[in-house]
Amino acid sequence: MSTSASPFGELIYSYTREQDINDGVLVPVPEDLVKEAGIKLPVAVSDHLYSIVDPVNLDEMNAGQTATGRLWDLLWMFRTTISDPKNQHTDRVMFKVLFLMKRPGCPARLEQFEVLGVCGPGDMGEPVLTLMFPEDD
């Protein structure tokens, strides 16, 4: 075996972050919003979490809710969490965020969601952030 060969054999298939984004599994967060929140790495949100950030019935909430505003809230809660010294030496953090939600037949109300933030390698090994529900990991 050569020194550059993998001990696990030939790579059969890999699924890239770019493919995740192209397939809609991840939703990239606009770079200007990420920078405004004080985050220096590219951020993507799982499609599952994004369905809460931008639900199909957002216009029914009648409370000045926008997907951009809700995305800002998500980023801000993440930023606040990673600013805590106890969270500065890990590649994953859990945090909570509140969103106004409207369920069928019920008035709009605040609901709390637990979110996982993970810093990992992008397609070229660069650091990237992914925000998701714990079950999306």
C-alpha atoms as a PDB file:
ATOM      1  CA  MET A   1       0.000   0.000   0.000  1.00  0.00           C
ATOM      2  CA  SER A   2       1.372   3.444  -0.903  1.00  0.00           C
ATOM      3  CA  THR A   3       1.707   6.129   1.764  1.00  0.00           C
ATOM      4  CA  SER A   4      -1.074   8.216   0.150  1.00  0.00           C
ATOM      5  CA  ALA A   5      -3.638   5.378  -0.022  1.00  0.00           C
ATOM      6  CA  SER A   6      -6.426   5.358   2.534  1.00  0.00           C
ATOM      7  CA  PRO A   7      -6.440   2.456   5.000  1.00  0.00           C
ATOM      8  CA  PHE A   8     -10.216   2.312   4.353  1.00  0.00           C
ATOM      9  CA  GLY A   9      -9.878   1.735   0.615  1.00  0.00           C
ATOM     10  CA  GLU A  10     -11.072   3.752  -2.361  1.00  0.00           C
ATOM     11  CA  LEU A  11     -13.720   6.422  -1.783  1.00  0.00           C
ATOM     12  CA  ILE A  12     -16.950   5.204  -3.352  1.00  0.00           C
ATOM     13  CA  TYR A  13     -19.117   8.301  -2.990  1.00  0.00           C
ATOM     14  CA  SER A  14     -19.178  11.625  -1.140  1.00  0.00           C
ATOM     15  CA  TYR A  15     -21.986  14.130  -0.720  1.00  0.00           C
ATOM     16  CA  THR A  16     -20.786  17.722  -0.521  1.00  0.00           C
ATOM     17  CA  ARG A  17     -22.159  20.756   1.274  1.00  0.00           C
ATOM     18  CA  GLU A  18     -22.647  22.371  -2.126  1.00  0.00           C
ATOM     19  CA  GLN A  19     -24.841  19.422  -3.145  1.00  0.00           C
ATOM     20  CA  ASP A  20     -26.784  19.797   0.133  1.00  0.00           C
ATOM     21  CA  ILE A  21     -27.459  23.424  -0.788  1.00  0.00           C
ATOM     22  CA  ASN A  22     -28.324  22.618  -4.418  1.00  0.00           C
ATOM     23  CA  ASP A  23     -30.693  19.855  -3.261  1.00  0.00           C
ATOM     24  CA  GLY A  24     -32.364  22.180  -0.725  1.00  0.00           C
ATOM     25  CA  VAL A  25     -31.253  20.130   2.282  1.00  0.00           C
ATOM     26  CA  LEU A  26     -29.341  23.186   3.512  1.00  0.00           C
ATOM     27  CA  VAL A  27     -30.396  26.813   3.030  1.00  0.00           C
ATOM     28  CA  PRO A  28     -27.510  29.297   2.899  1.00  0.00           C
ATOM     29  CA  VAL A  29     -27.921  32.407   5.033  1.00  0.00           C
ATOM     30  CA  PRO A  30     -27.218  35.660   3.163  1.00  0.00           C
ATOM     31  CA  GLU A  31     -23.645  36.766   3.793  1.00  0.00           C
ATOM     32  CA  ASP A  32     -24.622  40.343   4.683  1.00  0.00           C
ATOM     33  CA  LEU A  33     -26.995  39.131   7.415  1.00  0.00           C
ATOM     34  CA  VAL A  34     -24.323  36.786   8.806  1.00  0.00           C
ATOM     35  CA  LYS A  35     -21.769  39.627   8.943  1.00  0.00           C
ATOM     36  CA  GLU A  36     -24.308  41.990  10.508  1.00  0.00           C
ATOM     37  CA  ALA A  37     -24.808  39.422  13.288  1.00  0.00           C
ATOM     38  CA  GLY A  38     -21.051  39.429  13.924  1.00  0.00           C
ATOM     39  CA  ILE A  39     -20.410  35.945  12.570  1.00  0.00           C
ATOM     40  CA  LYS A  40     -17.306  35.508  10.430  1.00  0.00           C
ATOM     41  CA  LEU A  41     -17.987  32.099   8.861  1.00  0.00           C
ATOM     42  CA  PRO A  42     -20.503  31.056   6.188  1.00  0.00           C
ATOM     43  CA  VAL A  43     -23.768  29.816   7.732  1.00  0.00           C
ATOM     44  CA  ALA A  44     -26.374  27.419   6.390  1.00  0.00           C
ATOM     45  CA  VAL A  45     -29.602  26.274   8.040  1.00  0.00           C
ATOM     46  CA  SER A  46     -31.143  22.818   7.678  1.00  0.00           C
ATOM     47  CA  ASP A  47     -34.308  22.772   5.579  1.00  0.00           C
ATOM     48  CA  HIS A  48     -36.184  21.419   8.606  1.00  0.00           C
ATOM     49  CA  LEU A  49     -35.175  24.406  10.762  1.00  0.00           C
ATOM     50  CA  TYR A  50     -35.753  26.804   7.870  1.00  0.00           C
ATOM     51  CA  SER A  51     -39.365  25.582   7.637  1.00  0.00           C
ATOM     52  CA  ILE A  52     -39.826  27.123  11.119  1.00  0.00           C
ATOM     53  CA  VAL A  53     -37.889  30.287  10.254  1.00  0.00           C
ATOM     54  CA  ASP A  54     -40.008  30.801   7.129  1.00  0.00           C
ATOM     55  CA  PRO A  55     -43.204  28.775   7.619  1.00  0.00           C
ATOM     56  CA  VAL A  56     -45.757  28.591   4.820  1.00  0.00           C
ATOM     57  CA  ASN A  57     -48.278  30.475   6.981  1.00  0.00           C
ATOM     58  CA  LEU A  58     -45.967  33.323   8.049  1.00  0.00           C
ATOM     59  CA  ASP A  59     -48.323  35.936   6.584  1.00  0.00           C
ATOM     60  CA  GLU A  60     -51.188  34.651   8.806  1.00  0.00           C
ATOM     61  CA  MET A  61     -49.336  35.668  11.993  1.00  0.00           C
ATOM     62  CA  ASN A  62     -50.005  39.385  11.388  1.00  0.00           C
ATOM     63  CA  ALA A  63     -47.302  40.444  13.814  1.00  0.00           C
ATOM     64  CA  GLY A  64     -44.717  42.048  11.553  1.00  0.00           C
ATOM     65  CA  GLN A  65     -42.951  38.726  11.172  1.00  0.00           C
ATOM     66  CA  THR A  66     -40.584  38.276   8.219  1.00  0.00           C
ATOM     67  CA  ALA A  67     -38.292  35.412   7.312  1.00  0.00           C
ATOM     68  CA  THR A  68     -35.311  37.799   7.401  1.00  0.00           C
ATOM     69  CA  GLY A  69     -36.247  39.018  10.875  1.00  0.00           C
ATOM     70  CA  ARG A  70     -36.700  35.490  12.155  1.00  0.00           C
ATOM     71  CA  LEU A  71     -33.382  34.474  10.583  1.00  0.00           C
ATOM     72  CA  TRP A  72     -31.765  37.439  12.354  1.00  0.00           C
ATOM     73  CA  ASP A  73     -33.241  36.211  15.677  1.00  0.00           C
ATOM     74  CA  LEU A  74     -31.777  32.753  15.038  1.00  0.00           C
ATOM     75  CA  LEU A  75     -28.335  34.162  14.216  1.00  0.00           C
ATOM     76  CA  TRP A  76     -28.401  36.502  17.206  1.00  0.00           C
ATOM     77  CA  MET A  77     -29.230  33.694  19.641  1.00  0.00           C
ATOM     78  CA  PHE A  78     -26.423  31.612  18.124  1.00  0.00           C
ATOM     79  CA  ARG A  79     -23.995  34.552  18.387  1.00  0.00           C
ATOM     80  CA  THR A  80     -24.995  35.152  22.006  1.00  0.00           C
ATOM     81  CA  THR A  81     -24.455  31.471  22.808  1.00  0.00           C
ATOM     82  CA  ILE A  82     -20.978  31.271  21.285  1.00  0.00           C
ATOM     83  CA  SER A  83     -19.975  34.492  23.070  1.00  0.00           C
ATOM     84  CA  ASP A  84     -20.245  32.668  26.392  1.00  0.00           C
ATOM     85  CA  PRO A  85     -16.697  31.606  27.418  1.00  0.00           C
ATOM     86  CA  LYS A  86     -17.864  28.069  28.272  1.00  0.00           C
ATOM     87  CA  ASN A  87     -18.867  27.599  24.602  1.00  0.00           C
ATOM     88  CA  GLN A  88     -15.720  28.947  22.958  1.00  0.00           C
ATOM     89  CA  HIS A  89     -13.708  25.720  22.846  1.00  0.00           C
ATOM     90  CA  THR A  90     -16.165  23.365  21.204  1.00  0.00           C
ATOM     91  CA  ASP A  91     -17.341  22.686  17.671  1.00  0.00           C
ATOM     92  CA  ARG A  92     -21.024  22.333  18.631  1.00  0.00           C
ATOM     93  CA  VAL A  93     -23.422  24.231  20.858  1.00  0.00           C
ATOM     94  CA  MET A  94     -27.063  23.886  21.800  1.00  0.00           C
ATOM     95  CA  PHE A  95     -29.230  26.959  22.210  1.00  0.00           C
ATOM     96  CA  LYS A  96     -32.877  27.903  22.390  1.00  0.00           C
ATOM     97  CA  VAL A  97     -34.814  30.373  20.266  1.00  0.00           C
ATOM     98  CA  LEU A  98     -38.413  31.590  20.444  1.00  0.00           C
ATOM     99  CA  PHE A  99     -40.563  31.995  17.341  1.00  0.00           C
ATOM    100  CA  LEU A 100     -44.143  33.103  16.989  1.00  0.00           C
ATOM    101  CA  MET A 101     -45.988  30.140  15.484  1.00  0.00           C
ATOM    102  CA  LYS A 102     -49.504  29.726  14.119  1.00  0.00           C
ATOM    103  CA  ARG A 103     -50.905  26.215  14.231  1.00  0.00           C
ATOM    104  CA  PRO A 104     -54.161  25.367  12.384  1.00  0.00           C
ATOM    105  CA  GLY A 105     -57.204  26.280  14.468  1.00  0.00           C
ATOM    106  CA  CYS A 106     -55.127  28.015  17.160  1.00  0.00           C
ATOM    107  CA  PRO A 107     -54.074  31.615  17.744  1.00  0.00           C
ATOM    108  CA  ALA A 108     -50.438  32.535  17.126  1.00  0.00           C
ATOM    109  CA  ARG A 109     -48.211  31.936  20.161  1.00  0.00           C
ATOM    110  CA  LEU A 110     -44.538  31.851  21.060  1.00  0.00           C
ATOM    111  CA  GLU A 111     -42.884  28.455  20.869  1.00  0.00           C
ATOM    112  CA  GLN A 112     -39.389  27.545  22.025  1.00  0.00           C
ATOM    113  CA  PHE A 113     -37.120  25.498  19.793  1.00  0.00           C
ATOM    114  CA  GLU A 114     -33.816  23.862  20.668  1.00  0.00           C
ATOM    115  CA  VAL A 115     -31.198  24.367  17.964  1.00  0.00           C
ATOM    116  CA  LEU A 116     -27.806  22.770  17.390  1.00  0.00           C
ATOM    117  CA  GLY A 117     -24.989  24.856  15.927  1.00  0.00           C
ATOM    118  CA  VAL A 118     -22.067  22.943  14.441  1.00  0.00           C
ATOM    119  CA  CYS A 119     -18.757  24.269  13.105  1.00  0.00           C
ATOM    120  CA  GLY A 120     -17.274  21.805  10.657  1.00  0.00           C
ATOM    121  CA  PRO A 121     -15.322  21.582   7.444  1.00  0.00           C
ATOM    122  CA  GLY A 122     -16.768  22.825   4.174  1.00  0.00           C
ATOM    123  CA  ASP A 123     -16.111  21.169   0.833  1.00  0.00           C
ATOM    124  CA  MET A 124     -12.555  22.513   0.705  1.00  0.00           C
ATOM    125  CA  GLY A 125     -11.828  21.974   4.414  1.00  0.00           C
ATOM    126  CA  GLU A 126     -12.675  25.582   5.337  1.00  0.00           C
ATOM    127  CA  PRO A 127     -14.656  26.200   8.552  1.00  0.00           C
ATOM    128  CA  VAL A 128     -18.418  26.596   8.042  1.00  0.00           C
ATOM    129  CA  LEU A 129     -21.401  26.747  10.380  1.00  0.00           C
ATOM    130  CA  THR A 130     -24.599  24.746  10.191  1.00  0.00           C
ATOM    131  CA  LEU A 131     -27.655  25.473  12.318  1.00  0.00           C
ATOM    132  CA  MET A 132     -30.177  22.665  12.645  1.00  0.00           C
ATOM    133  CA  PHE A 133     -32.499  20.776  14.951  1.00  0.00           C
ATOM    134  CA  PRO A 134     -30.640  18.102  16.965  1.00  0.00           C
ATOM    135  CA  GLU A 135     -32.451  15.349  15.033  1.00  0.00           C
ATOM    136  CA  ASP A 136     -31.124  16.791  11.749  1.00  0.00           C
ATOM    137  CA  ASP A 137     -27.519  16.001  12.729  1.00  0.00           C
END
